[in-house]
Amino acid sequence: MTHLSNDRAISIQSFPLLPTPQGQVTLPPEILDRLQPNPDNPLVLLKIDDLIVLTSKQPQVTQLSEQFTAQMAKHHISLEALLDGLQEERQILWQELQQCD
């Protein structure tokens, strides 16, 4: 199945998996080839509400959150000021995109 999102094709494939009584599953070779797991790059199983995602990428949310918090404290920036600045940047980007069209 292929969906289009912002002019980009997204392929969605389904791989039925049946866990053994011990809870183990065998991943299809094409998934293993794509994720390339190894001791330095283990697979990560994410549960986001009812969505389950298997990825080889470590989630960066915690690290990014800590970096934002540290920078905000260092420069005495409130969350409100940070969000206001983000809104201004979005407006500038939107105007630039409109000029390119």
PDB file of N, CA and C in Angstrom:
ATOM      1  N   MET A   1       0.846  -1.161   0.000  1.00  0.00           N
ATOM      2  CA  MET A   1       0.000   0.000   0.000  1.00  0.00           C
ATOM      3  C   MET A   1       0.901   1.235   0.000  1.00  0.00           C
ATOM      4  N   THR A   2       0.559   2.220  -0.834  1.00  0.00           N
ATOM      5  CA  THR A   2       1.340   3.448  -0.896  1.00  0.00           C
ATOM      6  C   THR A   2       0.416   4.637  -0.686  1.00  0.00           C
ATOM      7  N   HIS A   3       0.824   5.551   0.168  1.00  0.00           N
ATOM      8  CA  HIS A   3       0.089   6.781   0.418  1.00  0.00           C
ATOM      9  C   HIS A   3       0.977   7.944   0.036  1.00  0.00           C
ATOM     10  N   LEU A   4       0.356   9.059  -0.356  1.00  0.00           N
ATOM     11  CA  LEU A   4       1.119  10.263  -0.647  1.00  0.00           C
ATOM     12  C   LEU A   4       0.971  11.244   0.489  1.00  0.00           C
ATOM     13  N   SER A   5       2.078  11.825   0.898  1.00  0.00           N
ATOM     14  CA  SER A   5       2.092  12.812   1.961  1.00  0.00           C
ATOM     15  C   SER A   5       3.035  13.924   1.545  1.00  0.00           C
ATOM     16  N   ASN A   6       2.498  15.113   1.329  1.00  0.00           N
ATOM     17  CA  ASN A   6       3.314  16.249   0.894  1.00  0.00           C
ATOM     18  C   ASN A   6       4.154  15.875  -0.321  1.00  0.00           C
ATOM     19  N   ASP A   7       3.511  15.277  -1.332  1.00  0.00           N
ATOM     20  CA  ASP A   7       4.161  14.896  -2.578  1.00  0.00           C
ATOM     21  C   ASP A   7       5.249  13.840  -2.389  1.00  0.00           C
ATOM     22  N   ARG A   8       5.196  13.097  -1.319  1.00  0.00           N
ATOM     23  CA  ARG A   8       6.192  12.052  -1.068  1.00  0.00           C
ATOM     24  C   ARG A   8       5.460  10.730  -0.895  1.00  0.00           C
ATOM     25  N   ALA A   9       5.855   9.715  -1.639  1.00  0.00           N
ATOM     26  CA  ALA A   9       5.218   8.405  -1.530  1.00  0.00           C
ATOM     27  C   ALA A   9       5.695   7.708  -0.267  1.00  0.00           C
ATOM     28  N   ILE A  10       4.757   7.167   0.480  1.00  0.00           N
ATOM     29  CA  ILE A  10       5.071   6.428   1.695  1.00  0.00           C
ATOM     30  C   ILE A  10       4.560   5.006   1.508  1.00  0.00           C
ATOM     31  N   SER A  11       5.450   4.060   1.607  1.00  0.00           N
ATOM     32  CA  SER A  11       5.082   2.664   1.454  1.00  0.00           C
ATOM     33  C   SER A  11       4.727   2.080   2.816  1.00  0.00           C
ATOM     34  N   ILE A  12       3.589   1.416   2.882  1.00  0.00           N
ATOM     35  CA  ILE A  12       3.161   0.758   4.113  1.00  0.00           C
ATOM     36  C   ILE A  12       3.000  -0.724   3.811  1.00  0.00           C
ATOM     37  N   GLN A  13       3.743  -1.552   4.545  1.00  0.00           N
ATOM     38  CA  GLN A  13       3.655  -2.990   4.368  1.00  0.00           C
ATOM     39  C   GLN A  13       3.270  -3.622   5.700  1.00  0.00           C
ATOM     40  N   SER A  14       2.557  -4.722   5.614  1.00  0.00           N
ATOM     41  CA  SER A  14       2.140  -5.456   6.799  1.00  0.00           C
ATOM     42  C   SER A  14       2.869  -6.792   6.821  1.00  0.00           C
ATOM     43  N   PHE A  15       3.414  -7.157   7.994  1.00  0.00           N
ATOM     44  CA  PHE A  15       4.129  -8.413   8.169  1.00  0.00           C
ATOM     45  C   PHE A  15       3.513  -9.152   9.346  1.00  0.00           C
ATOM     46  N   PRO A  16       2.674 -10.141   9.080  1.00  0.00           N
ATOM     47  CA  PRO A  16       2.089 -10.906  10.184  1.00  0.00           C
ATOM     48  C   PRO A  16       3.177 -11.642  10.969  1.00  0.00           C
ATOM     49  N   LEU A  17       3.147 -11.508  12.278  1.00  0.00           N
ATOM     50  CA  LEU A  17       4.108 -12.179  13.155  1.00  0.00           C
ATOM     51  C   LEU A  17       3.329 -12.975  14.198  1.00  0.00           C
ATOM     52  N   LEU A  18       3.782 -14.191  14.451  1.00  0.00           N
ATOM     53  CA  LEU A  18       3.144 -15.017  15.472  1.00  0.00           C
ATOM     54  C   LEU A  18       4.181 -15.334  16.543  1.00  0.00           C
ATOM     55  N   PRO A  19       4.013 -14.778  17.740  1.00  0.00           N
ATOM     56  CA  PRO A  19       4.986 -15.048  18.809  1.00  0.00           C
ATOM     57  C   PRO A  19       4.968 -16.521  19.220  1.00  0.00           C
ATOM     58  N   THR A  20       6.141 -17.022  19.583  1.00  0.00           N
ATOM     59  CA  THR A  20       6.237 -18.364  20.148  1.00  0.00           C
ATOM     60  C   THR A  20       5.644 -18.304  21.557  1.00  0.00           C
ATOM     61  N   PRO A  21       5.445 -19.449  22.209  1.00  0.00           N
ATOM     62  CA  PRO A  21       4.961 -19.423  23.600  1.00  0.00           C
ATOM     63  C   PRO A  21       5.873 -18.605  24.529  1.00  0.00           C
ATOM     64  N   GLN A  22       7.151 -18.478  24.163  1.00  0.00           N
ATOM     65  CA  GLN A  22       8.083 -17.682  24.978  1.00  0.00           C
ATOM     66  C   GLN A  22       8.038 -16.192  24.615  1.00  0.00           C
ATOM     67  N   GLY A  23       7.195 -15.823  23.647  1.00  0.00           N
ATOM     68  CA  GLY A  23       7.062 -14.419  23.258  1.00  0.00           C
ATOM     69  C   GLY A  23       8.033 -13.971  22.185  1.00  0.00           C
ATOM     70  N   GLN A  24       8.762 -14.883  21.579  1.00  0.00           N
ATOM     71  CA  GLN A  24       9.730 -14.520  20.552  1.00  0.00           C
ATOM     72  C   GLN A  24       9.067 -14.471  19.174  1.00  0.00           C
ATOM     73  N   VAL A  25       9.572 -13.564  18.326  1.00  0.00           N
ATOM     74  CA  VAL A  25       9.100 -13.477  16.945  1.00  0.00           C
ATOM     75  C   VAL A  25      10.321 -13.489  16.020  1.00  0.00           C
ATOM     76  N   THR A  26      10.108 -13.956  14.816  1.00  0.00           N
ATOM     77  CA  THR A  26      11.151 -13.933  13.796  1.00  0.00           C
ATOM     78  C   THR A  26      10.815 -12.810  12.832  1.00  0.00           C
ATOM     79  N   LEU A  27      11.756 -11.882  12.667  1.00  0.00           N
ATOM     80  CA  LEU A  27      11.538 -10.760  11.766  1.00  0.00           C
ATOM     81  C   LEU A  27      11.871 -11.160  10.334  1.00  0.00           C
ATOM     82  N   PRO A  28      11.090 -10.713   9.380  1.00  0.00           N
ATOM     83  CA  PRO A  28      11.380 -11.022   7.974  1.00  0.00           C
ATOM     84  C   PRO A  28      12.751 -10.468   7.578  1.00  0.00           C
ATOM     85  N   PRO A  29      13.452 -11.181   6.681  1.00  0.00           N
ATOM     86  CA  PRO A  29      14.787 -10.740   6.266  1.00  0.00           C
ATOM     87  C   PRO A  29      14.827  -9.302   5.748  1.00  0.00           C
ATOM     88  N   GLU A  30      13.809  -8.881   4.997  1.00  0.00           N
ATOM     89  CA  GLU A  30      13.848  -7.514   4.455  1.00  0.00           C
ATOM     90  C   GLU A  30      13.765  -6.463   5.572  1.00  0.00           C
ATOM     91  N   ILE A  31      13.129  -6.787   6.689  1.00  0.00           N
ATOM     92  CA  ILE A  31      13.083  -5.860   7.826  1.00  0.00           C
ATOM     93  C   ILE A  31      14.452  -5.823   8.503  1.00  0.00           C
ATOM     94  N   LEU A  32      15.050  -6.980   8.702  1.00  0.00           N
ATOM     95  CA  LEU A  32      16.389  -7.031   9.299  1.00  0.00           C
ATOM     96  C   LEU A  32      17.408  -6.312   8.420  1.00  0.00           C
ATOM     97  N   ASP A  33      17.301  -6.489   7.107  1.00  0.00           N
ATOM     98  CA  ASP A  33      18.211  -5.806   6.189  1.00  0.00           C
ATOM     99  C   ASP A  33      18.042  -4.291   6.287  1.00  0.00           C
ATOM    100  N   ARG A  34      16.815  -3.861   6.425  1.00  0.00           N
ATOM    101  CA  ARG A  34      16.540  -2.421   6.494  1.00  0.00           C
ATOM    102  C   ARG A  34      17.013  -1.817   7.817  1.00  0.00           C
ATOM    103  N   LEU A  35      16.784  -2.514   8.938  1.00  0.00           N
ATOM    104  CA  LEU A  35      17.107  -1.962  10.260  1.00  0.00           C
ATOM    105  C   LEU A  35      18.572  -2.169  10.653  1.00  0.00           C
ATOM    106  N   GLN A  36      19.219  -3.178  10.092  1.00  0.00           N
ATOM    107  CA  GLN A  36      20.634  -3.445  10.352  1.00  0.00           C
ATOM    108  C   GLN A  36      20.981  -3.479  11.848  1.00  0.00           C
ATOM    109  N   PRO A  37      20.302  -4.316  12.647  1.00  0.00           N
ATOM    110  CA  PRO A  37      20.621  -4.345  14.080  1.00  0.00           C
ATOM    111  C   PRO A  37      22.007  -4.936  14.321  1.00  0.00           C
ATOM    112  N   ASN A  38      22.669  -4.410  15.358  1.00  0.00           N
ATOM    113  CA  ASN A  38      23.962  -4.932  15.796  1.00  0.00           C
ATOM    114  C   ASN A  38      24.165  -4.479  17.239  1.00  0.00           C
ATOM    115  N   PRO A  39      25.197  -4.949  17.920  1.00  0.00           N
ATOM    116  CA  PRO A  39      25.373  -4.574  19.337  1.00  0.00           C
ATOM    117  C   PRO A  39      25.463  -3.064  19.579  1.00  0.00           C
ATOM    118  N   ASP A  40      25.968  -2.311  18.601  1.00  0.00           N
ATOM    119  CA  ASP A  40      26.045  -0.856  18.752  1.00  0.00           C
ATOM    120  C   ASP A  40      24.764  -0.151  18.314  1.00  0.00           C
ATOM    121  N   ASN A  41      23.891  -0.877  17.651  1.00  0.00           N
ATOM    122  CA  ASN A  41      22.653  -0.309  17.124  1.00  0.00           C
ATOM    123  C   ASN A  41      21.499  -1.289  17.348  1.00  0.00           C
ATOM    124  N   PRO A  42      21.088  -1.481  18.613  1.00  0.00           N
ATOM    125  CA  PRO A  42      20.020  -2.446  18.889  1.00  0.00           C
ATOM    126  C   PRO A  42      18.672  -1.936  18.387  1.00  0.00           C
ATOM    127  N   LEU A  43      17.757  -2.859  18.207  1.00  0.00           N
ATOM    128  CA  LEU A  43      16.398  -2.480  17.836  1.00  0.00           C
ATOM    129  C   LEU A  43      15.685  -1.912  19.059  1.00  0.00           C
ATOM    130  N   VAL A  44      14.776  -0.975  18.800  1.00  0.00           N
ATOM    131  CA  VAL A  44      13.995  -0.348  19.862  1.00  0.00           C
ATOM    132  C   VAL A  44      12.520  -0.539  19.522  1.00  0.00           C
ATOM    133  N   LEU A  45      11.768  -1.062  20.479  1.00  0.00           N
ATOM    134  CA  LEU A  45      10.334  -1.231  20.313  1.00  0.00           C
ATOM    135  C   LEU A  45       9.657  -0.099  21.069  1.00  0.00           C
ATOM    136  N   LEU A  46       8.952   0.765  20.323  1.00  0.00           N
ATOM    137  CA  LEU A  46       8.271   1.912  20.931  1.00  0.00           C
ATOM    138  C   LEU A  46       6.780   1.643  21.010  1.00  0.00           C
ATOM    139  N   LYS A  47       6.180   1.970  22.140  1.00  0.00           N
ATOM    140  CA  LYS A  47       4.730   1.898  22.291  1.00  0.00           C
ATOM    141  C   LYS A  47       4.239   3.322  22.459  1.00  0.00           C
ATOM    142  N   ILE A  48       3.484   3.787  21.476  1.00  0.00           N
ATOM    143  CA  ILE A  48       2.935   5.139  21.491  1.00  0.00           C
ATOM    144  C   ILE A  48       1.421   4.985  21.478  1.00  0.00           C
ATOM    145  N   ASP A  49       0.829   5.054  22.661  1.00  0.00           N
ATOM    146  CA  ASP A  49      -0.602   4.797  22.811  1.00  0.00           C
ATOM    147  C   ASP A  49      -0.877   3.386  22.277  1.00  0.00           C
ATOM    148  N   ASP A  50      -1.684   3.239  21.242  1.00  0.00           N
ATOM    149  CA  ASP A  50      -1.977   1.912  20.699  1.00  0.00           C
ATOM    150  C   ASP A  50      -1.074   1.548  19.524  1.00  0.00           C
ATOM    151  N   LEU A  51      -0.154   2.411  19.161  1.00  0.00           N
ATOM    152  CA  LEU A  51       0.746   2.179  18.047  1.00  0.00           C
ATOM    153  C   LEU A  51       2.049   1.565  18.543  1.00  0.00           C
ATOM    154  N   ILE A  52       2.492   0.506  17.880  1.00  0.00           N
ATOM    155  CA  ILE A  52       3.760  -0.149  18.208  1.00  0.00           C
ATOM    156  C   ILE A  52       4.690   0.033  17.016  1.00  0.00           C
ATOM    157  N   VAL A  53       5.908   0.517  17.285  1.00  0.00           N
ATOM    158  CA  VAL A  53       6.878   0.773  16.221  1.00  0.00           C
ATOM    159  C   VAL A  53       8.189   0.082  16.573  1.00  0.00           C
ATOM    160  N   LEU A  54       8.751  -0.635  15.623  1.00  0.00           N
ATOM    161  CA  LEU A  54      10.070  -1.250  15.778  1.00  0.00           C
ATOM    162  C   LEU A  54      11.041  -0.434  14.932  1.00  0.00           C
ATOM    163  N   THR A  55      12.083   0.069  15.552  1.00  0.00           N
ATOM    164  CA  THR A  55      13.035   0.919  14.849  1.00  0.00           C
ATOM    165  C   THR A  55      14.452   0.634  15.326  1.00  0.00           C
ATOM    166  N   SER A  56      15.410   1.038  14.527  1.00  0.00           N
ATOM    167  CA  SER A  56      16.805   0.913  14.951  1.00  0.00           C
ATOM    168  C   SER A  56      17.324   2.254  15.449  1.00  0.00           C
ATOM    169  N   LYS A  57      16.490   3.257  15.403  1.00  0.00           N
ATOM    170  CA  LYS A  57      16.905   4.586  15.834  1.00  0.00           C
ATOM    171  C   LYS A  57      16.479   4.825  17.281  1.00  0.00           C
ATOM    172  N   GLN A  58      17.409   5.266  18.091  1.00  0.00           N
ATOM    173  CA  GLN A  58      17.098   5.588  19.477  1.00  0.00           C
ATOM    174  C   GLN A  58      16.266   6.872  19.504  1.00  0.00           C
ATOM    175  N   PRO A  59      15.182   6.890  20.247  1.00  0.00           N
ATOM    176  CA  PRO A  59      14.398   8.113  20.334  1.00  0.00           C
ATOM    177  C   PRO A  59      15.229   9.246  20.930  1.00  0.00           C
ATOM    178  N   GLN A  60      15.119  10.414  20.353  1.00  0.00           N
ATOM    179  CA  GLN A  60      15.924  11.552  20.773  1.00  0.00           C
ATOM    180  C   GLN A  60      15.133  12.541  21.628  1.00  0.00           C
ATOM    181  N   VAL A  61      13.877  12.247  21.905  1.00  0.00           N
ATOM    182  CA  VAL A  61      13.021  13.192  22.615  1.00  0.00           C
ATOM    183  C   VAL A  61      13.611  13.595  23.958  1.00  0.00           C
ATOM    184  N   THR A  62      14.071  12.638  24.738  1.00  0.00           N
ATOM    185  CA  THR A  62      14.605  12.947  26.064  1.00  0.00           C
ATOM    186  C   THR A  62      15.831  13.841  25.969  1.00  0.00           C
ATOM    187  N   GLN A  63      16.760  13.489  25.074  1.00  0.00           N
ATOM    188  CA  GLN A  63      17.967  14.300  24.933  1.00  0.00           C
ATOM    189  C   GLN A  63      17.638  15.697  24.443  1.00  0.00           C
ATOM    190  N   LEU A  64      16.738  15.807  23.464  1.00  0.00           N
ATOM    191  CA  LEU A  64      16.364  17.127  22.957  1.00  0.00           C
ATOM    192  C   LEU A  64      15.686  17.958  24.030  1.00  0.00           C
ATOM    193  N   SER A  65      14.817  17.327  24.805  1.00  0.00           N
ATOM    194  CA  SER A  65      14.133  18.032  25.885  1.00  0.00           C
ATOM    195  C   SER A  65      15.142  18.571  26.901  1.00  0.00           C
ATOM    196  N   GLU A  66      16.114  17.748  27.260  1.00  0.00           N
ATOM    197  CA  GLU A  66      17.134  18.180  28.218  1.00  0.00           C
ATOM    198  C   GLU A  66      17.977  19.322  27.651  1.00  0.00           C
ATOM    199  N   GLN A  67      18.294  19.260  26.357  1.00  0.00           N
ATOM    200  CA  GLN A  67      19.079  20.328  25.732  1.00  0.00           C
ATOM    201  C   GLN A  67      18.288  21.636  25.683  1.00  0.00           C
ATOM    202  N   PHE A  68      17.004  21.554  25.319  1.00  0.00           N
ATOM    203  CA  PHE A  68      16.175  22.756  25.304  1.00  0.00           C
ATOM    204  C   PHE A  68      16.081  23.368  26.701  1.00  0.00           C
ATOM    205  N   THR A  69      15.838  22.533  27.696  1.00  0.00           N
ATOM    206  CA  THR A  69      15.710  23.015  29.070  1.00  0.00           C
ATOM    207  C   THR A  69      16.995  23.678  29.541  1.00  0.00           C
ATOM    208  N   ALA A  70      18.139  23.066  29.233  1.00  0.00           N
ATOM    209  CA  ALA A  70      19.429  23.640  29.638  1.00  0.00           C
ATOM    210  C   ALA A  70      19.665  24.984  28.959  1.00  0.00           C
ATOM    211  N   GLN A  71      19.368  25.080  27.664  1.00  0.00           N
ATOM    212  CA  GLN A  71      19.570  26.342  26.943  1.00  0.00           C
ATOM    213  C   GLN A  71      18.611  27.424  27.442  1.00  0.00           C
ATOM    214  N   MET A  72      17.379  27.030  27.731  1.00  0.00           N
ATOM    215  CA  MET A  72      16.412  28.000  28.251  1.00  0.00           C
ATOM    216  C   MET A  72      16.882  28.548  29.591  1.00  0.00           C
ATOM    217  N   ALA A  73      17.383  27.683  30.466  1.00  0.00           N
ATOM    218  CA  ALA A  73      17.865  28.129  31.783  1.00  0.00           C
ATOM    219  C   ALA A  73      19.110  28.999  31.631  1.00  0.00           C
ATOM    220  N   LYS A  74      20.024  28.589  30.760  1.00  0.00           N
ATOM    221  CA  LYS A  74      21.270  29.323  30.563  1.00  0.00           C
ATOM    222  C   LYS A  74      21.019  30.744  30.071  1.00  0.00           C
ATOM    223  N   HIS A  75      20.051  30.884  29.168  1.00  0.00           N
ATOM    224  CA  HIS A  75      19.784  32.189  28.552  1.00  0.00           C
ATOM    225  C   HIS A  75      18.561  32.888  29.151  1.00  0.00           C
ATOM    226  N   HIS A  76      18.022  32.317  30.229  1.00  0.00           N
ATOM    227  CA  HIS A  76      16.868  32.907  30.933  1.00  0.00           C
ATOM    228  C   HIS A  76      15.693  33.155  29.978  1.00  0.00           C
ATOM    229  N   ILE A  77      15.345  32.104  29.220  1.00  0.00           N
ATOM    230  CA  ILE A  77      14.242  32.190  28.270  1.00  0.00           C
ATOM    231  C   ILE A  77      13.077  31.357  28.804  1.00  0.00           C
ATOM    232  N   SER A  78      11.907  31.964  28.847  1.00  0.00           N
ATOM    233  CA  SER A  78      10.723  31.239  29.308  1.00  0.00           C
ATOM    234  C   SER A  78      10.164  30.386  28.170  1.00  0.00           C
ATOM    235  N   LEU A  79       9.330  29.426  28.522  1.00  0.00           N
ATOM    236  CA  LEU A  79       8.686  28.593  27.516  1.00  0.00           C
ATOM    237  C   LEU A  79       7.824  29.452  26.606  1.00  0.00           C
ATOM    238  N   GLU A  80       7.143  30.413  27.178  1.00  0.00           N
ATOM    239  CA  GLU A  80       6.283  31.308  26.387  1.00  0.00           C
ATOM    240  C   GLU A  80       7.110  32.066  25.344  1.00  0.00           C
ATOM    241  N   ALA A  81       8.258  32.590  25.747  1.00  0.00           N
ATOM    242  CA  ALA A  81       9.129  33.323  24.817  1.00  0.00           C
ATOM    243  C   ALA A  81       9.661  32.386  23.732  1.00  0.00           C
ATOM    244  N   LEU A  82       9.998  31.174  24.104  1.00  0.00           N
ATOM    245  CA  LEU A  82      10.497  30.204  23.140  1.00  0.00           C
ATOM    246  C   LEU A  82       9.420  29.892  22.100  1.00  0.00           C
ATOM    247  N   LEU A  83       8.194  29.671  22.549  1.00  0.00           N
ATOM    248  CA  LEU A  83       7.098  29.365  21.629  1.00  0.00           C
ATOM    249  C   LEU A  83       6.755  30.563  20.750  1.00  0.00           C
ATOM    250  N   ASP A  84       6.843  31.778  21.309  1.00  0.00           N
ATOM    251  CA  ASP A  84       6.617  32.981  20.506  1.00  0.00           C
ATOM    252  C   ASP A  84       7.653  33.069  19.395  1.00  0.00           C
ATOM    253  N   GLY A  85       8.915  32.797  19.728  1.00  0.00           N
ATOM    254  CA  GLY A  85       9.982  32.814  18.730  1.00  0.00           C
ATOM    255  C   GLY A  85       9.767  31.770  17.654  1.00  0.00           C
ATOM    256  N   LEU A  86       9.274  30.606  18.053  1.00  0.00           N
ATOM    257  CA  LEU A  86       8.986  29.546  17.094  1.00  0.00           C
ATOM    258  C   LEU A  86       7.884  29.987  16.133  1.00  0.00           C
ATOM    259  N   GLN A  87       6.859  30.632  16.650  1.00  0.00           N
ATOM    260  CA  GLN A  87       5.765  31.123  15.812  1.00  0.00           C
ATOM    261  C   GLN A  87       6.297  32.152  14.812  1.00  0.00           C
ATOM    262  N   GLU A  88       7.179  33.035  15.251  1.00  0.00           N
ATOM    263  CA  GLU A  88       7.766  34.033  14.355  1.00  0.00           C
ATOM    264  C   GLU A  88       8.566  33.352  13.247  1.00  0.00           C
ATOM    265  N   GLU A  89       9.354  32.333  13.603  1.00  0.00           N
ATOM    266  CA  GLU A  89      10.147  31.612  12.605  1.00  0.00           C
ATOM    267  C   GLU A  89       9.245  30.918  11.592  1.00  0.00           C
ATOM    268  N   ARG A  90       8.162  30.330  12.061  1.00  0.00           N
ATOM    269  CA  ARG A  90       7.222  29.670  11.150  1.00  0.00           C
ATOM    270  C   ARG A  90       6.618  30.677  10.174  1.00  0.00           C
ATOM    271  N   GLN A  91       6.280  31.851  10.667  1.00  0.00           N
ATOM    272  CA  GLN A  91       5.704  32.896   9.825  1.00  0.00           C
ATOM    273  C   GLN A  91       6.709  33.319   8.752  1.00  0.00           C
ATOM    274  N   ILE A  92       7.966  33.494   9.130  1.00  0.00           N
ATOM    275  CA  ILE A  92       9.013  33.874   8.177  1.00  0.00           C
ATOM    276  C   ILE A  92       9.188  32.794   7.113  1.00  0.00           C
ATOM    277  N   LEU A  93       9.233  31.534   7.540  1.00  0.00           N
ATOM    278  CA  LEU A  93       9.369  30.429   6.585  1.00  0.00           C
ATOM    279  C   LEU A  93       8.181  30.361   5.639  1.00  0.00           C
ATOM    280  N   TRP A  94       6.982  30.565   6.162  1.00  0.00           N
ATOM    281  CA  TRP A  94       5.776  30.527   5.335  1.00  0.00           C
ATOM    282  C   TRP A  94       5.838  31.627   4.287  1.00  0.00           C
ATOM    283  N   GLN A  95       6.252  32.820   4.683  1.00  0.00           N
ATOM    284  CA  GLN A  95       6.362  33.936   3.731  1.00  0.00           C
ATOM    285  C   GLN A  95       7.404  33.636   2.662  1.00  0.00           C
ATOM    286  N   GLU A  96       8.528  33.051   3.049  1.00  0.00           N
ATOM    287  CA  GLU A  96       9.562  32.689   2.077  1.00  0.00           C
ATOM    288  C   GLU A  96       9.040  31.657   1.084  1.00  0.00           C
ATOM    289  N   LEU A  97       8.287  30.688   1.571  1.00  0.00           N
ATOM    290  CA  LEU A  97       7.721  29.666   0.680  1.00  0.00           C
ATOM    291  C   LEU A  97       6.712  30.274  -0.282  1.00  0.00           C
ATOM    292  N   GLN A  98       5.943  31.236   0.179  1.00  0.00           N
ATOM    293  CA  GLN A  98       4.952  31.892  -0.687  1.00  0.00           C
ATOM    294  C   GLN A  98       5.630  32.685  -1.806  1.00  0.00           C
ATOM    295  N   GLN A  99       6.782  33.269  -1.513  1.00  0.00           N
ATOM    296  CA  GLN A  99       7.516  34.044  -2.520  1.00  0.00           C
ATOM    297  C   GLN A  99       8.131  33.138  -3.574  1.00  0.00           C
ATOM    298  N   CYS A 100       8.456  31.888  -3.188  1.00  0.00           N
ATOM    299  CA  CYS A 100       9.055  30.950  -4.146  1.00  0.00           C
ATOM    300  C   CYS A 100       8.023  30.390  -5.118  1.00  0.00           C
ATOM    301  N   ASP A 101       6.763  30.382  -4.750  1.00  0.00           N
ATOM    302  CA  ASP A 101       5.718  29.798  -5.610  1.00  0.00           C
ATOM    303  C   ASP A 101       5.316  30.694  -6.736  1.00  0.00           C
TER     304      ASP A 101
END
